Amino acid sequence: MSSEARLALAQPSRQAAVPYVRAALRAALTPQIETTRATGLVFLPGAMTRLILAGTAPLQAVLVQAVVMFLVLAATATTTAVIALGLIRRLFTPDHRLVYLPTRADH
């Protein structure tokens, strides 16, 4: 069901946009989740390898790499959520109507 249909059924704009926000989050996070999951199983990331070669204990090197991967994942999730929420505010009026965005053909 489209946003227009959801708005016509008296859903608030945030609720009408939920499927699109969910799809955007899934599209943005899936590659990063797959990379995080594969790290250490398929390849040794550069930071972890450098730490091991520098003489750091392997467990500490793995923990540093895990923290870095989860920080990147958290940054991706936070950025996507902030952008999605900002777009909801930009694309809907306070009274829950879609904002008309002119196209090049309109000029």
C-alpha atoms as a PDB file:
ATOM      1  CA  MET A   1       0.000   0.000   0.000  1.00  0.00           C
ATOM      2  CA  SER A   2       1.399   3.406  -0.944  1.00  0.00           C
ATOM      3  CA  SER A   3       1.901   6.410   1.306  1.00  0.00           C
ATOM      4  CA  GLU A   4      -0.974   8.168  -0.416  1.00  0.00           C
ATOM      5  CA  ALA A   5      -3.301   5.275   0.342  1.00  0.00           C
ATOM      6  CA  ARG A   6      -2.153   5.118   3.961  1.00  0.00           C
ATOM      7  CA  LEU A   7      -2.693   8.868   4.343  1.00  0.00           C
ATOM      8  CA  ALA A   8      -6.136   8.535   2.727  1.00  0.00           C
ATOM      9  CA  LEU A   9      -6.972   5.935   5.388  1.00  0.00           C
ATOM     10  CA  ALA A  10      -6.137   8.557   8.053  1.00  0.00           C
ATOM     11  CA  GLN A  11      -2.802   7.158   9.137  1.00  0.00           C
ATOM     12  CA  PRO A  12      -0.371   9.755  10.509  1.00  0.00           C
ATOM     13  CA  SER A  13       2.539  10.617   8.231  1.00  0.00           C
ATOM     14  CA  ARG A  14       5.114   8.773  10.354  1.00  0.00           C
ATOM     15  CA  GLN A  15       3.039   5.616  10.317  1.00  0.00           C
ATOM     16  CA  ALA A  16       2.431   5.953   6.565  1.00  0.00           C
ATOM     17  CA  ALA A  17       6.188   6.199   5.967  1.00  0.00           C
ATOM     18  CA  VAL A  18       7.148   3.198   8.146  1.00  0.00           C
ATOM     19  CA  PRO A  19       7.386   0.649   5.274  1.00  0.00           C
ATOM     20  CA  TYR A  20       9.662   2.973   3.316  1.00  0.00           C
ATOM     21  CA  VAL A  21      11.866   3.751   6.313  1.00  0.00           C
ATOM     22  CA  ARG A  22      12.107   0.036   7.093  1.00  0.00           C
ATOM     23  CA  ALA A  23      13.114  -0.725   3.492  1.00  0.00           C
ATOM     24  CA  ALA A  24      15.717   2.066   3.540  1.00  0.00           C
ATOM     25  CA  LEU A  25      17.201   0.812   6.810  1.00  0.00           C
ATOM     26  CA  ARG A  26      17.327  -2.737   5.482  1.00  0.00           C
ATOM     27  CA  ALA A  27      18.996  -1.629   2.245  1.00  0.00           C
ATOM     28  CA  ALA A  28      21.563   0.492   4.075  1.00  0.00           C
ATOM     29  CA  LEU A  29      22.411  -1.972   6.830  1.00  0.00           C
ATOM     30  CA  THR A  30      22.424  -5.318   5.003  1.00  0.00           C
ATOM     31  CA  PRO A  31      25.853  -4.867   3.341  1.00  0.00           C
ATOM     32  CA  GLN A  32      27.443  -3.667   6.583  1.00  0.00           C
ATOM     33  CA  ILE A  33      25.896  -6.523   8.597  1.00  0.00           C
ATOM     34  CA  GLU A  34      27.176  -9.046   6.056  1.00  0.00           C
ATOM     35  CA  THR A  35      30.667  -7.523   6.222  1.00  0.00           C
ATOM     36  CA  THR A  36      30.618  -7.575  10.025  1.00  0.00           C
ATOM     37  CA  ARG A  37      29.455 -11.175  10.047  1.00  0.00           C
ATOM     38  CA  ALA A  38      32.133 -12.308   7.592  1.00  0.00           C
ATOM     39  CA  THR A  39      34.984 -10.477   9.325  1.00  0.00           C
ATOM     40  CA  GLY A  40      37.428 -12.950  10.793  1.00  0.00           C
ATOM     41  CA  LEU A  41      35.753 -15.914   9.141  1.00  0.00           C
ATOM     42  CA  VAL A  42      36.744 -15.249   5.560  1.00  0.00           C
ATOM     43  CA  PHE A  43      39.559 -12.734   5.805  1.00  0.00           C
ATOM     44  CA  LEU A  44      41.767 -11.063   8.362  1.00  0.00           C
ATOM     45  CA  PRO A  45      41.094  -7.325   8.368  1.00  0.00           C
ATOM     46  CA  GLY A  46      44.053  -4.985   8.055  1.00  0.00           C
ATOM     47  CA  ALA A  47      43.848  -3.445  11.529  1.00  0.00           C
ATOM     48  CA  MET A  48      43.793  -6.826  13.231  1.00  0.00           C
ATOM     49  CA  THR A  49      46.676  -8.149  11.133  1.00  0.00           C
ATOM     50  CA  ARG A  50      48.773  -5.043  11.822  1.00  0.00           C
ATOM     51  CA  LEU A  51      48.141  -5.282  15.554  1.00  0.00           C
ATOM     52  CA  ILE A  52      49.160  -8.944  15.612  1.00  0.00           C
ATOM     53  CA  LEU A  53      52.308  -8.213  13.575  1.00  0.00           C
ATOM     54  CA  ALA A  54      53.127  -5.357  15.969  1.00  0.00           C
ATOM     55  CA  GLY A  55      53.142  -7.788  18.875  1.00  0.00           C
ATOM     56  CA  THR A  56      49.711  -7.197  20.400  1.00  0.00           C
ATOM     57  CA  ALA A  57      48.005 -10.219  21.925  1.00  0.00           C
ATOM     58  CA  PRO A  58      45.710 -11.849  19.328  1.00  0.00           C
ATOM     59  CA  LEU A  59      42.679 -11.622  21.621  1.00  0.00           C
ATOM     60  CA  GLN A  60      43.166  -7.866  22.035  1.00  0.00           C
ATOM     61  CA  ALA A  61      43.605  -7.467  18.277  1.00  0.00           C
ATOM     62  CA  VAL A  62      40.344  -9.333  17.670  1.00  0.00           C
ATOM     63  CA  LEU A  63      38.539  -7.197  20.261  1.00  0.00           C
ATOM     64  CA  VAL A  64      39.827  -3.987  18.667  1.00  0.00           C
ATOM     65  CA  GLN A  65      38.656  -5.184  15.255  1.00  0.00           C
ATOM     66  CA  ALA A  66      35.251  -6.150  16.643  1.00  0.00           C
ATOM     67  CA  VAL A  67      34.840  -2.747  18.267  1.00  0.00           C
ATOM     68  CA  VAL A  68      35.777  -0.998  15.014  1.00  0.00           C
ATOM     69  CA  MET A  69      33.328  -3.096  12.989  1.00  0.00           C
ATOM     70  CA  PHE A  70      30.491  -2.491  15.454  1.00  0.00           C
ATOM     71  CA  LEU A  71      31.252   1.240  15.531  1.00  0.00           C
ATOM     72  CA  VAL A  72      31.018   1.376  11.740  1.00  0.00           C
ATOM     73  CA  LEU A  73      27.748  -0.572  11.894  1.00  0.00           C
ATOM     74  CA  ALA A  74      26.383   1.776  14.576  1.00  0.00           C
ATOM     75  CA  ALA A  75      27.406   4.841  12.557  1.00  0.00           C
ATOM     76  CA  THR A  76      25.640   3.444   9.484  1.00  0.00           C
ATOM     77  CA  ALA A  77      22.483   2.711  11.472  1.00  0.00           C
ATOM     78  CA  THR A  78      22.483   6.120  13.149  1.00  0.00           C
ATOM     79  CA  THR A  79      23.075   8.011   9.914  1.00  0.00           C
ATOM     80  CA  THR A  80      20.360   6.092   8.082  1.00  0.00           C
ATOM     81  CA  ALA A  81      17.843   6.637  10.885  1.00  0.00           C
ATOM     82  CA  VAL A  82      18.590  10.368  11.136  1.00  0.00           C
ATOM     83  CA  ILE A  83      18.317  10.845   7.373  1.00  0.00           C
ATOM     84  CA  ALA A  84      15.072   8.847   7.218  1.00  0.00           C
ATOM     85  CA  LEU A  85      13.487  10.823  10.058  1.00  0.00           C
ATOM     86  CA  GLY A  86      14.646  14.084   8.499  1.00  0.00           C
ATOM     87  CA  LEU A  87      13.133  13.115   5.167  1.00  0.00           C
ATOM     88  CA  ILE A  88       9.822  12.294   6.825  1.00  0.00           C
ATOM     89  CA  ARG A  89       9.745  15.829   8.219  1.00  0.00           C
ATOM     90  CA  ARG A  90      10.664  17.219   4.778  1.00  0.00           C
ATOM     91  CA  LEU A  91       8.203  15.133   2.756  1.00  0.00           C
ATOM     92  CA  PHE A  92       5.124  15.588   4.941  1.00  0.00           C
ATOM     93  CA  THR A  93       3.403  18.733   6.170  1.00  0.00           C
ATOM     94  CA  PRO A  94       2.487  19.152   9.860  1.00  0.00           C
ATOM     95  CA  ASP A  95      -1.092  18.224   8.958  1.00  0.00           C
ATOM     96  CA  HIS A  96       0.071  14.877   7.447  1.00  0.00           C
ATOM     97  CA  ARG A  97      -0.100  15.688   3.745  1.00  0.00           C
ATOM     98  CA  LEU A  98       2.584  14.898   1.190  1.00  0.00           C
ATOM     99  CA  VAL A  99       4.673  17.850   0.068  1.00  0.00           C
ATOM    100  CA  TYR A 100       4.665  18.451  -3.666  1.00  0.00           C
ATOM    101  CA  LEU A 101       8.212  18.283  -4.987  1.00  0.00           C
ATOM    102  CA  PRO A 102       8.530  19.858  -8.441  1.00  0.00           C
ATOM    103  CA  THR A 103      10.403  17.942 -11.118  1.00  0.00           C
ATOM    104  CA  ARG A 104      12.479  19.251 -14.002  1.00  0.00           C
ATOM    105  CA  ALA A 105       9.478  18.934 -16.282  1.00  0.00           C
ATOM    106  CA  ASP A 106       7.580  21.429 -14.087  1.00  0.00           C
ATOM    107  CA  HIS A 107      10.063  24.246 -14.740  1.00  0.00           C
END
